[in-house]
Structure formats: C-alpha cells, structure tokens
Amino acid sequence: MAKLVICDLDGTLVDSRHDLAEAGNAARAAIGLAPVPLETVAGYVGDGAEKLIERLTPDCAPAQRSEAMRAFKNRYREVCCVRTRPYEGITDALAGLTSSGWILGVATNKPLEFTQLILDACGLARWFAHVRGGDRWKKPDPGQLLDILQAAQCDPASSWMVGDHHTDIIAARAAGVSAAWCAWGIGRRDDLAVDAIVDAPASLPSSLARAMPSRA
C-alpha cells in the first residue's frame, strides 16, 4: 500500500501573510473600513476566504460583505504571488519525502484557483500529485482528505496530515490519518493531541520517520 503525506498550504508550505493582508485590507477599503495590521489578518487565516472576510468585516451587512469579498478576490488574484514564498527548507523536505517513496498532496481551505497559482509561482506544484482547495469541503470537514486518500489509493493508517491549524488536526482525526503539527506556522493547535510536532520544515521527513518508523 502506498504511503501519503497531505500538506496544508498557508502557514505550512508557504508564508502568505503579506499578500493576504494586502488583499484583506483592499476588501476593507472597498466598504470604507480602515486597514488593520498584518498580524491581525494572519490571525484570521485558516478557515477559508469567507471566514476571513467575515472576520475582517465585523458588524457589516450582507451586501457590504459581498462587496468586500469581490474586492478581496480581485485584489488577491493580482497579488497572491507577489510576496508569498515557500518556508525555508520546504522544498528540500518535499524532495526528501518524495525520494523516500511518499505520495504528496495538498488540502487547503484556500480556493483552488489561488492554490494552484501559488503552487506554480513558488515552484512547488511538481511535488504534488493531488491538490484540493476549499471550494467543496473546508477543514475540519475531512472531505478533502478522504477524496485524496481515495484518489491516491492510500490506506489512512499509512497517511499523514501536516498542518499548522487546529482544523488540520480535527480533519486528520476524522479521516483516520495521523496528524503532524507545524510549529513554524501561523495557526494554532488549541492543545489538541497530535502524533508529531515538527519544529522546522527541514525536519519534516525525519519527524514523520521517528513518529511512525514502521510506516516511513
């Protein structure tokens, strides 16, 4: 049976904070709101574009929120690859996993359109056989993970979900795969139990191997 590693995108593979903040503040400006700091926008990331805009536009009417969403998507389409970069060590980690026989996938709550643009621009697309965005399922719903497992024909017992957000961990548990939490990301674990904590991208292959040597 093949073995599989599914990775989150924002806060796991790439640092996208600056471009998300640019688009998020464009959304606020479109409805007359002042900009907020990068750290504020980053704290809202992880649950998809709709939740991001909802958090950036508190107490706004549905029509205003729809206008903000349009502005966000338009601006993010322009800037999503301007300052977004892979975390240092990620490319080598993906190469190491691939050379060890792992099949790689991406499961993110970001819309697939932006996911593919970013993976291509960052030179990461070539590593991933299976990519799912948040257009149909959003974590913590395990739908993306289950879909990748089926497409890759992998056993959950031989598979990992690697992410920086509590929704990644919850989705992993629901899908029956092991959960690894990325300490370098922008999300939060909420004290949820995980099977591995990865301190840096470069240590991802060895961390998974140590946690489950019989499966690595």
N, C-alpha and C. Protein backbone atom coordinates (compact mmCIF):
# COMPACT_ATOMS: atom_id res chain seq x y z
N MET A 1 0.84 -1.20 0.00
CA MET A 1 0.00 0.00 0.00
C MET A 1 0.88 1.25 0.00
N ALA A 2 0.54 2.20 -0.87
CA ALA A 2 1.31 3.45 -0.95
C ALA A 2 1.14 4.26 0.34
N LYS A 3 2.11 5.12 0.61
CA LYS A 3 2.05 5.97 1.79
C LYS A 3 1.94 7.42 1.34
N LEU A 4 1.22 8.21 2.13
CA LEU A 4 0.75 9.53 1.69
C LEU A 4 1.00 10.58 2.76
N VAL A 5 1.47 11.75 2.33
CA VAL A 5 1.54 12.94 3.19
C VAL A 5 0.71 14.04 2.54
N ILE A 6 -0.30 14.52 3.26
CA ILE A 6 -1.15 15.62 2.80
C ILE A 6 -0.75 16.87 3.58
N CYS A 7 -0.45 17.93 2.86
CA CYS A 7 0.01 19.17 3.49
C CYS A 7 -1.02 20.28 3.36
N ASP A 8 -1.16 21.05 4.41
CA ASP A 8 -1.86 22.33 4.33
C ASP A 8 -0.99 23.29 3.51
N LEU A 9 -1.55 24.43 3.11
CA LEU A 9 -0.80 25.40 2.31
C LEU A 9 -0.31 26.58 3.15
N ASP A 10 -1.21 27.50 3.49
CA ASP A 10 -0.83 28.71 4.24
C ASP A 10 -0.34 28.34 5.64
N GLY A 11 0.84 28.80 5.99
CA GLY A 11 1.38 28.51 7.31
C GLY A 11 2.05 27.16 7.42
N THR A 12 2.03 26.39 6.35
CA THR A 12 2.68 25.08 6.34
C THR A 12 3.71 25.00 5.22
N LEU A 13 3.25 25.18 3.99
CA LEU A 13 4.16 25.19 2.85
C LEU A 13 4.67 26.59 2.54
N VAL A 14 3.79 27.58 2.65
CA VAL A 14 4.16 28.94 2.24
C VAL A 14 3.80 29.97 3.31
N ASP A 15 4.59 31.04 3.33
CA ASP A 15 4.30 32.22 4.15
C ASP A 15 3.57 33.21 3.25
N SER A 16 2.27 33.30 3.42
CA SER A 16 1.42 34.12 2.55
C SER A 16 0.84 35.33 3.26
N ARG A 17 1.37 35.65 4.43
CA ARG A 17 0.76 36.68 5.26
C ARG A 17 0.68 38.04 4.57
N HIS A 18 1.75 38.45 3.92
CA HIS A 18 1.79 39.80 3.35
C HIS A 18 0.77 39.97 2.22
N ASP A 19 0.67 38.98 1.36
CA ASP A 19 -0.28 39.09 0.25
C ASP A 19 -1.72 38.99 0.73
N LEU A 20 -1.96 38.15 1.74
CA LEU A 20 -3.31 38.07 2.31
C LEU A 20 -3.69 39.38 3.00
N ALA A 21 -2.73 40.00 3.68
CA ALA A 21 -3.02 41.28 4.33
C ALA A 21 -3.31 42.36 3.30
N GLU A 22 -2.57 42.36 2.20
CA GLU A 22 -2.82 43.32 1.13
C GLU A 22 -4.24 43.18 0.59
N ALA A 23 -4.64 41.96 0.30
CA ALA A 23 -5.98 41.73 -0.24
C ALA A 23 -7.06 41.94 0.82
N GLY A 24 -6.77 41.55 2.04
CA GLY A 24 -7.74 41.75 3.11
C GLY A 24 -8.01 43.22 3.37
N ASN A 25 -6.99 44.03 3.34
CA ASN A 25 -7.19 45.47 3.54
C ASN A 25 -7.82 46.13 2.32
N ALA A 26 -7.62 45.56 1.14
CA ALA A 26 -8.35 46.05 -0.04
C ALA A 26 -9.84 45.78 0.12
N ALA A 27 -10.17 44.65 0.71
CA ALA A 27 -11.57 44.32 0.97
C ALA A 27 -12.18 45.31 1.96
N ARG A 28 -11.45 45.64 3.01
CA ARG A 28 -11.94 46.60 3.98
C ARG A 28 -12.09 47.98 3.36
N ALA A 29 -11.11 48.38 2.56
CA ALA A 29 -11.17 49.70 1.92
C ALA A 29 -12.37 49.83 1.00
N ALA A 30 -12.75 48.73 0.36
CA ALA A 30 -13.87 48.76 -0.58
C ALA A 30 -15.18 49.12 0.09
N ILE A 31 -15.27 48.88 1.40
CA ILE A 31 -16.51 49.22 2.11
C ILE A 31 -16.25 50.30 3.17
N GLY A 32 -15.17 51.04 2.99
CA GLY A 32 -14.92 52.21 3.83
C GLY A 32 -14.30 51.95 5.18
N LEU A 33 -13.68 50.79 5.37
CA LEU A 33 -13.04 50.48 6.64
C LEU A 33 -11.54 50.74 6.57
N ALA A 34 -10.96 51.11 7.69
CA ALA A 34 -9.53 51.39 7.76
C ALA A 34 -8.73 50.09 7.72
N PRO A 35 -7.48 50.15 7.30
CA PRO A 35 -6.65 48.94 7.27
C PRO A 35 -6.34 48.43 8.68
N VAL A 36 -6.04 47.16 8.75
CA VAL A 36 -5.63 46.53 10.02
C VAL A 36 -4.23 45.96 9.83
N PRO A 37 -3.51 45.72 10.93
CA PRO A 37 -2.13 45.23 10.82
C PRO A 37 -2.04 43.83 10.21
N LEU A 38 -0.89 43.54 9.67
CA LEU A 38 -0.63 42.22 9.10
C LEU A 38 -0.93 41.11 10.10
N GLU A 39 -0.52 41.30 11.34
CA GLU A 39 -0.71 40.26 12.35
C GLU A 39 -2.19 39.98 12.59
N THR A 40 -3.02 41.00 12.46
CA THR A 40 -4.46 40.80 12.63
C THR A 40 -5.01 39.92 11.53
N VAL A 41 -4.66 40.23 10.29
CA VAL A 41 -5.13 39.43 9.17
C VAL A 41 -4.62 38.00 9.29
N ALA A 42 -3.35 37.83 9.63
CA ALA A 42 -2.77 36.50 9.76
C ALA A 42 -3.51 35.67 10.80
N GLY A 43 -3.97 36.31 11.86
CA GLY A 43 -4.70 35.60 12.89
C GLY A 43 -6.07 35.12 12.46
N TYR A 44 -6.56 35.66 11.36
CA TYR A 44 -7.87 35.27 10.84
C TYR A 44 -7.78 34.18 9.77
N VAL A 45 -6.57 33.81 9.38
CA VAL A 45 -6.37 32.87 8.27
C VAL A 45 -6.54 31.44 8.75
N GLY A 46 -7.05 30.58 7.86
CA GLY A 46 -7.10 29.15 8.16
C GLY A 46 -8.43 28.49 7.92
N ASP A 47 -9.49 29.29 7.82
CA ASP A 47 -10.82 28.71 7.69
C ASP A 47 -11.49 29.04 6.36
N GLY A 48 -10.72 29.52 5.40
CA GLY A 48 -11.28 29.84 4.09
C GLY A 48 -11.53 31.33 3.91
N ALA A 49 -11.73 31.71 2.64
CA ALA A 49 -11.89 33.12 2.30
C ALA A 49 -13.13 33.73 2.92
N GLU A 50 -14.22 32.96 2.96
CA GLU A 50 -15.46 33.50 3.51
C GLU A 50 -15.30 33.88 4.98
N LYS A 51 -14.69 32.99 5.75
CA LYS A 51 -14.47 33.28 7.17
C LYS A 51 -13.49 34.43 7.35
N LEU A 52 -12.49 34.50 6.49
CA LEU A 52 -11.53 35.60 6.58
C LEU A 52 -12.24 36.94 6.41
N ILE A 53 -13.08 37.03 5.39
CA ILE A 53 -13.80 38.28 5.14
C ILE A 53 -14.80 38.57 6.25
N GLU A 54 -15.44 37.54 6.76
CA GLU A 54 -16.37 37.72 7.87
C GLU A 54 -15.65 38.33 9.08
N ARG A 55 -14.46 37.85 9.35
CA ARG A 55 -13.69 38.36 10.50
C ARG A 55 -13.14 39.76 10.24
N LEU A 56 -12.87 40.06 8.98
CA LEU A 56 -12.35 41.38 8.63
C LEU A 56 -13.44 42.44 8.54
N THR A 57 -14.70 42.01 8.49
CA THR A 57 -15.80 42.96 8.33
C THR A 57 -16.87 42.73 9.39
N PRO A 58 -16.51 42.82 10.67
CA PRO A 58 -17.49 42.59 11.72
C PRO A 58 -18.60 43.63 11.69
N ASP A 59 -19.79 43.18 12.02
CA ASP A 59 -20.95 44.07 12.12
C ASP A 59 -21.35 44.69 10.78
N CYS A 60 -20.91 44.12 9.68
CA CYS A 60 -21.29 44.64 8.36
C CYS A 60 -22.50 43.89 7.81
N ALA A 61 -23.26 44.58 6.99
CA ALA A 61 -24.43 43.99 6.36
C ALA A 61 -23.99 42.99 5.29
N PRO A 62 -24.86 42.02 4.95
CA PRO A 62 -24.51 41.04 3.93
C PRO A 62 -24.08 41.66 2.61
N ALA A 63 -24.74 42.74 2.19
CA ALA A 63 -24.37 43.38 0.92
C ALA A 63 -22.96 43.95 0.99
N GLN A 64 -22.61 44.55 2.11
CA GLN A 64 -21.24 45.06 2.28
C GLN A 64 -20.23 43.93 2.27
N ARG A 65 -20.58 42.84 2.92
CA ARG A 65 -19.66 41.71 2.99
C ARG A 65 -19.45 41.10 1.60
N SER A 66 -20.50 41.06 0.81
CA SER A 66 -20.37 40.55 -0.56
C SER A 66 -19.46 41.45 -1.39
N GLU A 67 -19.60 42.77 -1.20
CA GLU A 67 -18.73 43.70 -1.90
C GLU A 67 -17.28 43.53 -1.46
N ALA A 68 -17.09 43.33 -0.17
CA ALA A 68 -15.74 43.12 0.35
C ALA A 68 -15.13 41.84 -0.21
N MET A 69 -15.93 40.79 -0.34
CA MET A 69 -15.44 39.54 -0.89
C MET A 69 -15.01 39.70 -2.35
N ARG A 70 -15.79 40.44 -3.10
CA ARG A 70 -15.41 40.68 -4.50
C ARG A 70 -14.09 41.44 -4.58
N ALA A 71 -13.96 42.45 -3.73
CA ALA A 71 -12.72 43.23 -3.72
C ALA A 71 -11.54 42.38 -3.29
N PHE A 72 -11.77 41.52 -2.31
CA PHE A 72 -10.69 40.63 -1.85
C PHE A 72 -10.22 39.72 -2.97
N LYS A 73 -11.15 39.06 -3.63
CA LYS A 73 -10.77 38.12 -4.69
C LYS A 73 -10.07 38.83 -5.84
N ASN A 74 -10.58 39.98 -6.21
CA ASN A 74 -9.96 40.73 -7.31
C ASN A 74 -8.53 41.13 -6.96
N ARG A 75 -8.35 41.64 -5.76
CA ARG A 75 -7.01 42.07 -5.37
C ARG A 75 -6.08 40.88 -5.14
N TYR A 76 -6.61 39.83 -4.52
CA TYR A 76 -5.76 38.67 -4.24
C TYR A 76 -5.31 37.99 -5.53
N ARG A 77 -6.18 38.00 -6.51
CA ARG A 77 -5.80 37.45 -7.82
C ARG A 77 -4.59 38.20 -8.38
N GLU A 78 -4.50 39.47 -8.09
CA GLU A 78 -3.39 40.30 -8.58
C GLU A 78 -2.11 40.12 -7.77
N VAL A 79 -2.25 39.88 -6.45
CA VAL A 79 -1.07 39.94 -5.58
C VAL A 79 -0.73 38.62 -4.89
N CYS A 80 -1.47 37.56 -5.14
CA CYS A 80 -1.30 36.34 -4.32
C CYS A 80 0.09 35.72 -4.44
N CYS A 81 0.81 36.08 -5.48
CA CYS A 81 2.15 35.50 -5.68
C CYS A 81 3.26 36.54 -5.59
N VAL A 82 2.94 37.74 -5.11
CA VAL A 82 3.93 38.82 -5.09
C VAL A 82 4.96 38.60 -3.97
N ARG A 83 4.49 38.40 -2.75
CA ARG A 83 5.40 38.25 -1.61
C ARG A 83 5.31 36.88 -0.95
N THR A 84 4.40 36.04 -1.41
CA THR A 84 4.27 34.70 -0.87
C THR A 84 5.46 33.84 -1.29
N ARG A 85 6.06 33.17 -0.33
CA ARG A 85 7.24 32.35 -0.58
C ARG A 85 7.16 31.04 0.20
N PRO A 86 7.77 29.98 -0.32
CA PRO A 86 7.87 28.75 0.48
C PRO A 86 8.70 29.03 1.74
N TYR A 87 8.34 28.40 2.83
CA TYR A 87 9.18 28.49 4.02
C TYR A 87 10.55 27.88 3.73
N GLU A 88 11.56 28.43 4.35
CA GLU A 88 12.91 27.92 4.16
C GLU A 88 12.97 26.44 4.56
N GLY A 89 13.47 25.62 3.67
CA GLY A 89 13.58 24.19 3.94
C GLY A 89 12.45 23.36 3.41
N ILE A 90 11.36 23.98 2.97
CA ILE A 90 10.20 23.23 2.50
C ILE A 90 10.53 22.45 1.23
N THR A 91 11.18 23.08 0.27
CA THR A 91 11.47 22.39 -0.99
C THR A 91 12.33 21.16 -0.74
N ASP A 92 13.34 21.28 0.09
CA ASP A 92 14.18 20.13 0.40
C ASP A 92 13.40 19.05 1.14
N ALA A 93 12.48 19.47 2.01
CA ALA A 93 11.66 18.49 2.73
C ALA A 93 10.77 17.71 1.78
N LEU A 94 10.17 18.40 0.82
CA LEU A 94 9.32 17.72 -0.15
C LEU A 94 10.14 16.77 -1.02
N ALA A 95 11.33 17.20 -1.39
CA ALA A 95 12.21 16.33 -2.17
C ALA A 95 12.59 15.09 -1.37
N GLY A 96 12.86 15.27 -0.08
CA GLY A 96 13.22 14.14 0.76
C GLY A 96 12.08 13.16 0.94
N LEU A 97 10.88 13.68 1.14
CA LEU A 97 9.72 12.80 1.27
C LEU A 97 9.48 12.02 -0.02
N THR A 98 9.58 12.72 -1.15
CA THR A 98 9.35 12.06 -2.43
C THR A 98 10.38 10.97 -2.68
N SER A 99 11.63 11.26 -2.37
CA SER A 99 12.69 10.26 -2.59
C SER A 99 12.54 9.05 -1.67
N SER A 100 11.81 9.23 -0.56
CA SER A 100 11.55 8.12 0.36
C SER A 100 10.28 7.36 0.01
N GLY A 101 9.65 7.75 -1.09
CA GLY A 101 8.50 6.99 -1.57
C GLY A 101 7.14 7.49 -1.16
N TRP A 102 7.09 8.66 -0.53
CA TRP A 102 5.79 9.22 -0.15
C TRP A 102 5.10 9.86 -1.35
N ILE A 103 3.80 9.65 -1.46
CA ILE A 103 2.95 10.42 -2.36
C ILE A 103 2.55 11.69 -1.62
N LEU A 104 2.56 12.83 -2.31
CA LEU A 104 2.27 14.10 -1.65
C LEU A 104 0.99 14.72 -2.18
N GLY A 105 0.23 15.32 -1.27
CA GLY A 105 -0.99 16.03 -1.63
C GLY A 105 -1.10 17.33 -0.86
N VAL A 106 -1.99 18.18 -1.31
CA VAL A 106 -2.31 19.44 -0.63
C VAL A 106 -3.80 19.47 -0.33
N ALA A 107 -4.14 19.84 0.89
CA ALA A 107 -5.53 20.06 1.29
C ALA A 107 -5.59 21.39 2.02
N THR A 108 -6.23 22.37 1.40
CA THR A 108 -6.26 23.73 1.95
C THR A 108 -7.66 24.30 1.85
N ASN A 109 -7.98 25.18 2.77
CA ASN A 109 -9.27 25.87 2.70
C ASN A 109 -9.25 27.04 1.73
N LYS A 110 -8.10 27.36 1.19
CA LYS A 110 -8.00 28.41 0.17
C LYS A 110 -8.67 27.93 -1.11
N PRO A 111 -9.37 28.81 -1.85
CA PRO A 111 -9.95 28.40 -3.13
C PRO A 111 -8.89 27.79 -4.05
N LEU A 112 -9.30 26.78 -4.82
CA LEU A 112 -8.36 26.05 -5.67
C LEU A 112 -7.67 26.97 -6.67
N GLU A 113 -8.39 27.97 -7.18
CA GLU A 113 -7.80 28.91 -8.14
C GLU A 113 -6.52 29.52 -7.59
N PHE A 114 -6.58 30.05 -6.37
CA PHE A 114 -5.42 30.69 -5.78
C PHE A 114 -4.37 29.67 -5.36
N THR A 115 -4.82 28.51 -4.90
CA THR A 115 -3.89 27.45 -4.51
C THR A 115 -2.98 27.06 -5.67
N GLN A 116 -3.57 26.85 -6.83
CA GLN A 116 -2.77 26.44 -7.98
C GLN A 116 -1.83 27.55 -8.44
N LEU A 117 -2.30 28.80 -8.41
CA LEU A 117 -1.43 29.92 -8.77
C LEU A 117 -0.20 29.97 -7.86
N ILE A 118 -0.43 29.81 -6.57
CA ILE A 118 0.67 29.91 -5.60
C ILE A 118 1.63 28.73 -5.73
N LEU A 119 1.10 27.53 -5.86
CA LEU A 119 1.98 26.37 -6.01
C LEU A 119 2.85 26.50 -7.25
N ASP A 120 2.26 26.97 -8.33
CA ASP A 120 3.04 27.16 -9.56
C ASP A 120 4.11 28.24 -9.38
N ALA A 121 3.71 29.39 -8.83
CA ALA A 121 4.64 30.51 -8.69
C ALA A 121 5.78 30.20 -7.74
N CYS A 122 5.51 29.39 -6.74
CA CYS A 122 6.52 29.05 -5.74
C CYS A 122 7.35 27.82 -6.13
N GLY A 123 7.07 27.26 -7.29
CA GLY A 123 7.83 26.10 -7.74
C GLY A 123 7.54 24.82 -6.98
N LEU A 124 6.36 24.74 -6.38
CA LEU A 124 6.01 23.58 -5.56
C LEU A 124 5.07 22.61 -6.24
N ALA A 125 4.42 23.03 -7.32
CA ALA A 125 3.38 22.20 -7.93
C ALA A 125 3.89 20.83 -8.34
N ARG A 126 5.13 20.75 -8.76
CA ARG A 126 5.66 19.49 -9.29
C ARG A 126 5.72 18.38 -8.25
N TRP A 127 5.70 18.75 -6.98
CA TRP A 127 5.82 17.73 -5.94
C TRP A 127 4.48 17.06 -5.61
N PHE A 128 3.37 17.67 -6.01
CA PHE A 128 2.07 17.23 -5.50
C PHE A 128 1.22 16.55 -6.58
N ALA A 129 0.90 15.29 -6.31
CA ALA A 129 0.06 14.53 -7.24
C ALA A 129 -1.41 14.84 -7.06
N HIS A 130 -1.78 15.33 -5.89
CA HIS A 130 -3.20 15.56 -5.57
C HIS A 130 -3.34 16.89 -4.84
N VAL A 131 -4.15 17.79 -5.38
CA VAL A 131 -4.34 19.11 -4.79
C VAL A 131 -5.84 19.38 -4.66
N ARG A 132 -6.27 19.73 -3.45
CA ARG A 132 -7.67 20.06 -3.21
C ARG A 132 -7.74 21.42 -2.53
N GLY A 133 -8.69 22.24 -2.97
CA GLY A 133 -8.95 23.53 -2.34
C GLY A 133 -10.24 23.49 -1.55
N GLY A 134 -10.60 24.63 -0.98
CA GLY A 134 -11.76 24.69 -0.12
C GLY A 134 -13.06 24.99 -0.83
N ASP A 135 -13.13 24.73 -2.12
CA ASP A 135 -14.32 25.05 -2.89
C ASP A 135 -15.50 24.13 -2.57
N ARG A 136 -15.22 22.87 -2.28
CA ARG A 136 -16.29 21.91 -1.97
C ARG A 136 -16.33 21.57 -0.48
N TRP A 137 -15.19 21.24 0.07
CA TRP A 137 -15.09 20.92 1.50
C TRP A 137 -14.08 21.86 2.16
N LYS A 138 -14.37 22.23 3.38
CA LYS A 138 -13.43 23.02 4.16
C LYS A 138 -13.11 22.28 5.46
N LYS A 139 -11.84 22.14 5.75
CA LYS A 139 -11.45 21.56 7.03
C LYS A 139 -12.03 22.43 8.17
N PRO A 140 -12.52 21.83 9.22
CA PRO A 140 -12.26 20.48 9.70
C PRO A 140 -13.07 19.35 9.06
N ASP A 141 -13.96 19.65 8.13
CA ASP A 141 -14.59 18.58 7.36
C ASP A 141 -13.48 17.74 6.71
N PRO A 142 -13.53 16.41 6.83
CA PRO A 142 -12.45 15.59 6.28
C PRO A 142 -12.58 15.31 4.79
N GLY A 143 -13.54 15.95 4.11
CA GLY A 143 -13.82 15.61 2.72
C GLY A 143 -12.62 15.68 1.80
N GLN A 144 -11.81 16.74 1.93
CA GLN A 144 -10.62 16.86 1.08
C GLN A 144 -9.67 15.69 1.30
N LEU A 145 -9.44 15.35 2.56
CA LEU A 145 -8.51 14.27 2.88
C LEU A 145 -9.02 12.94 2.37
N LEU A 146 -10.30 12.68 2.58
CA LEU A 146 -10.88 11.42 2.12
C LEU A 146 -10.83 11.31 0.60
N ASP A 147 -11.06 12.43 -0.07
CA ASP A 147 -11.01 12.44 -1.53
C ASP A 147 -9.59 12.14 -2.03
N ILE A 148 -8.59 12.73 -1.38
CA ILE A 148 -7.21 12.46 -1.77
C ILE A 148 -6.83 11.01 -1.46
N LEU A 149 -7.24 10.51 -0.32
CA LEU A 149 -6.96 9.12 0.03
C LEU A 149 -7.51 8.17 -1.03
N GLN A 150 -8.72 8.44 -1.46
CA GLN A 150 -9.34 7.58 -2.48
C GLN A 150 -8.61 7.70 -3.81
N ALA A 151 -8.30 8.93 -4.21
CA ALA A 151 -7.62 9.14 -5.50
C ALA A 151 -6.24 8.52 -5.51
N ALA A 152 -5.54 8.60 -4.38
CA ALA A 152 -4.18 8.07 -4.29
C ALA A 152 -4.16 6.58 -3.96
N GLN A 153 -5.33 6.04 -3.62
CA GLN A 153 -5.45 4.64 -3.23
C GLN A 153 -4.51 4.31 -2.06
N CYS A 154 -4.60 5.15 -1.05
CA CYS A 154 -3.76 5.00 0.13
C CYS A 154 -4.60 4.65 1.35
N ASP A 155 -4.03 3.86 2.23
CA ASP A 155 -4.64 3.49 3.49
C ASP A 155 -4.45 4.64 4.49
N PRO A 156 -5.51 5.06 5.18
CA PRO A 156 -5.34 6.10 6.20
C PRO A 156 -4.27 5.76 7.23
N ALA A 157 -4.12 4.48 7.53
CA ALA A 157 -3.12 4.06 8.52
C ALA A 157 -1.70 4.33 8.07
N SER A 158 -1.51 4.55 6.77
CA SER A 158 -0.18 4.85 6.23
C SER A 158 -0.08 6.29 5.75
N SER A 159 -0.92 7.16 6.31
CA SER A 159 -1.03 8.52 5.78
C SER A 159 -0.95 9.56 6.90
N TRP A 160 -0.51 10.76 6.51
CA TRP A 160 -0.36 11.89 7.43
C TRP A 160 -1.08 13.12 6.89
N MET A 161 -1.57 13.93 7.81
CA MET A 161 -1.97 15.30 7.53
C MET A 161 -0.99 16.21 8.26
N VAL A 162 -0.35 17.11 7.52
CA VAL A 162 0.64 18.02 8.08
C VAL A 162 0.10 19.44 7.98
N GLY A 163 -0.08 20.12 9.11
CA GLY A 163 -0.63 21.47 9.07
C GLY A 163 -0.32 22.25 10.32
N ASP A 164 -0.69 23.53 10.29
CA ASP A 164 -0.38 24.43 11.41
C ASP A 164 -1.62 24.86 12.18
N HIS A 165 -2.78 24.36 11.80
CA HIS A 165 -4.03 24.88 12.34
C HIS A 165 -4.82 23.75 13.00
N HIS A 166 -5.62 24.12 14.00
CA HIS A 166 -6.40 23.09 14.68
C HIS A 166 -7.37 22.38 13.74
N THR A 167 -7.81 23.07 12.69
CA THR A 167 -8.71 22.41 11.74
C THR A 167 -8.02 21.28 10.99
N ASP A 168 -6.71 21.40 10.78
CA ASP A 168 -5.96 20.31 10.14
C ASP A 168 -5.96 19.06 11.01
N ILE A 169 -5.79 19.27 12.31
CA ILE A 169 -5.75 18.15 13.24
C ILE A 169 -7.11 17.48 13.33
N ILE A 170 -8.16 18.28 13.43
CA ILE A 170 -9.52 17.71 13.53
C ILE A 170 -9.86 16.94 12.26
N ALA A 171 -9.52 17.50 11.11
CA ALA A 171 -9.78 16.81 9.84
C ALA A 171 -9.00 15.50 9.76
N ALA A 172 -7.76 15.51 10.23
CA ALA A 172 -6.95 14.29 10.22
C ALA A 172 -7.60 13.20 11.05
N ARG A 173 -8.05 13.56 12.24
CA ARG A 173 -8.70 12.57 13.11
C ARG A 173 -9.96 12.01 12.45
N ALA A 174 -10.74 12.89 11.84
CA ALA A 174 -11.99 12.45 11.21
C ALA A 174 -11.74 11.54 10.01
N ALA A 175 -10.61 11.76 9.34
CA ALA A 175 -10.27 10.94 8.17
C ALA A 175 -9.50 9.68 8.54
N GLY A 176 -9.08 9.58 9.79
CA GLY A 176 -8.36 8.40 10.24
C GLY A 176 -6.89 8.40 9.91
N VAL A 177 -6.33 9.58 9.61
CA VAL A 177 -4.90 9.67 9.30
C VAL A 177 -4.15 10.28 10.49
N SER A 178 -2.85 10.10 10.51
CA SER A 178 -2.03 10.68 11.58
C SER A 178 -1.89 12.18 11.38
N ALA A 179 -1.71 12.90 12.48
CA ALA A 179 -1.65 14.36 12.44
C ALA A 179 -0.29 14.86 12.90
N ALA A 180 0.32 15.70 12.07
CA ALA A 180 1.58 16.37 12.44
C ALA A 180 1.33 17.87 12.45
N TRP A 181 1.76 18.53 13.52
CA TRP A 181 1.55 19.97 13.66
C TRP A 181 2.85 20.72 13.39
N CYS A 182 2.75 21.78 12.58
CA CYS A 182 3.91 22.58 12.19
C CYS A 182 4.08 23.75 13.14
N ALA A 183 5.15 23.75 13.89
CA ALA A 183 5.37 24.80 14.89
C ALA A 183 5.73 26.13 14.27
N TRP A 184 6.11 26.16 12.99
CA TRP A 184 6.52 27.41 12.35
C TRP A 184 5.35 28.18 11.74
N GLY A 185 4.16 27.63 11.77
CA GLY A 185 3.04 28.22 11.05
C GLY A 185 2.39 29.39 11.76
N ILE A 186 1.27 29.82 11.19
CA ILE A 186 0.56 30.98 11.72
C ILE A 186 -0.73 30.59 12.43
N GLY A 187 -1.05 29.29 12.42
CA GLY A 187 -2.27 28.82 13.05
C GLY A 187 -2.06 28.47 14.51
N ARG A 188 -3.05 27.81 15.08
CA ARG A 188 -2.98 27.42 16.48
C ARG A 188 -3.44 25.96 16.62
N ARG A 189 -2.88 25.29 17.60
CA ARG A 189 -3.19 23.87 17.82
C ARG A 189 -4.34 23.69 18.79
N ASP A 190 -4.56 24.67 19.65
CA ASP A 190 -5.62 24.59 20.67
C ASP A 190 -5.44 23.38 21.59
N ASP A 191 -4.19 23.01 21.87
CA ASP A 191 -3.87 21.91 22.79
C ASP A 191 -4.41 20.56 22.33
N LEU A 192 -4.73 20.43 21.06
CA LEU A 192 -5.17 19.14 20.54
C LEU A 192 -3.99 18.18 20.46
N ALA A 193 -4.25 16.91 20.77
CA ALA A 193 -3.20 15.90 20.69
C ALA A 193 -2.82 15.63 19.24
N VAL A 194 -1.54 15.48 18.99
CA VAL A 194 -1.05 15.18 17.64
C VAL A 194 -0.07 14.01 17.73
N ASP A 195 0.23 13.44 16.57
CA ASP A 195 1.16 12.31 16.52
C ASP A 195 2.61 12.76 16.36
N ALA A 196 2.80 13.99 15.90
CA ALA A 196 4.15 14.54 15.76
C ALA A 196 4.08 16.05 15.78
N ILE A 197 5.07 16.67 16.40
CA ILE A 197 5.26 18.12 16.32
C ILE A 197 6.54 18.36 15.54
N VAL A 198 6.44 19.14 14.48
CA VAL A 198 7.58 19.39 13.60
C VAL A 198 8.06 20.81 13.85
N ASP A 199 9.29 20.94 14.29
CA ASP A 199 9.82 22.25 14.69
C ASP A 199 10.21 23.13 13.52
N ALA A 200 10.65 22.53 12.42
CA ALA A 200 11.12 23.29 11.26
C ALA A 200 10.88 22.48 10.00
N PRO A 201 10.66 23.15 8.85
CA PRO A 201 10.41 22.41 7.62
C PRO A 201 11.47 21.37 7.30
N ALA A 202 12.73 21.69 7.53
CA ALA A 202 13.81 20.77 7.18
C ALA A 202 13.72 19.45 7.93
N SER A 203 13.08 19.46 9.10
CA SER A 203 13.00 18.25 9.91
C SER A 203 11.72 17.45 9.65
N LEU A 204 10.92 17.87 8.67
CA LEU A 204 9.66 17.16 8.42
C LEU A 204 9.87 15.68 8.10
N PRO A 205 10.72 15.32 7.14
CA PRO A 205 10.88 13.88 6.84
C PRO A 205 11.33 13.06 8.04
N SER A 206 12.31 13.56 8.79
CA SER A 206 12.81 12.81 9.93
C SER A 206 11.79 12.75 11.06
N SER A 207 11.00 13.80 11.23
CA SER A 207 9.97 13.81 12.28
C SER A 207 8.91 12.75 12.01
N LEU A 208 8.48 12.63 10.77
CA LEU A 208 7.50 11.61 10.43
C LEU A 208 8.09 10.22 10.58
N ALA A 209 9.35 10.06 10.19
CA ALA A 209 10.01 8.76 10.31
C ALA A 209 10.15 8.34 11.77
N ARG A 210 10.49 9.28 12.64
CA ARG A 210 10.63 8.95 14.06
C ARG A 210 9.29 8.62 14.70
N ALA A 211 8.25 9.34 14.28
CA ALA A 211 6.94 9.15 14.90
C ALA A 211 6.33 7.81 14.54
N MET A 212 6.54 7.39 13.30
CA MET A 212 5.95 6.14 12.84
C MET A 212 6.96 5.41 11.96
N PRO A 213 8.01 4.88 12.56
CA PRO A 213 9.07 4.27 11.77
C PRO A 213 8.61 3.12 10.90
N SER A 214 7.60 2.41 11.32
CA SER A 214 7.14 1.28 10.52
C SER A 214 6.40 1.70 9.27
N ARG A 215 6.03 3.00 9.22
CA ARG A 215 5.27 3.48 8.07
C ARG A 215 6.08 4.41 7.19
N ALA A 216 7.27 4.82 7.64
CA ALA A 216 8.05 5.82 6.90
C ALA A 216 8.95 5.19 5.86
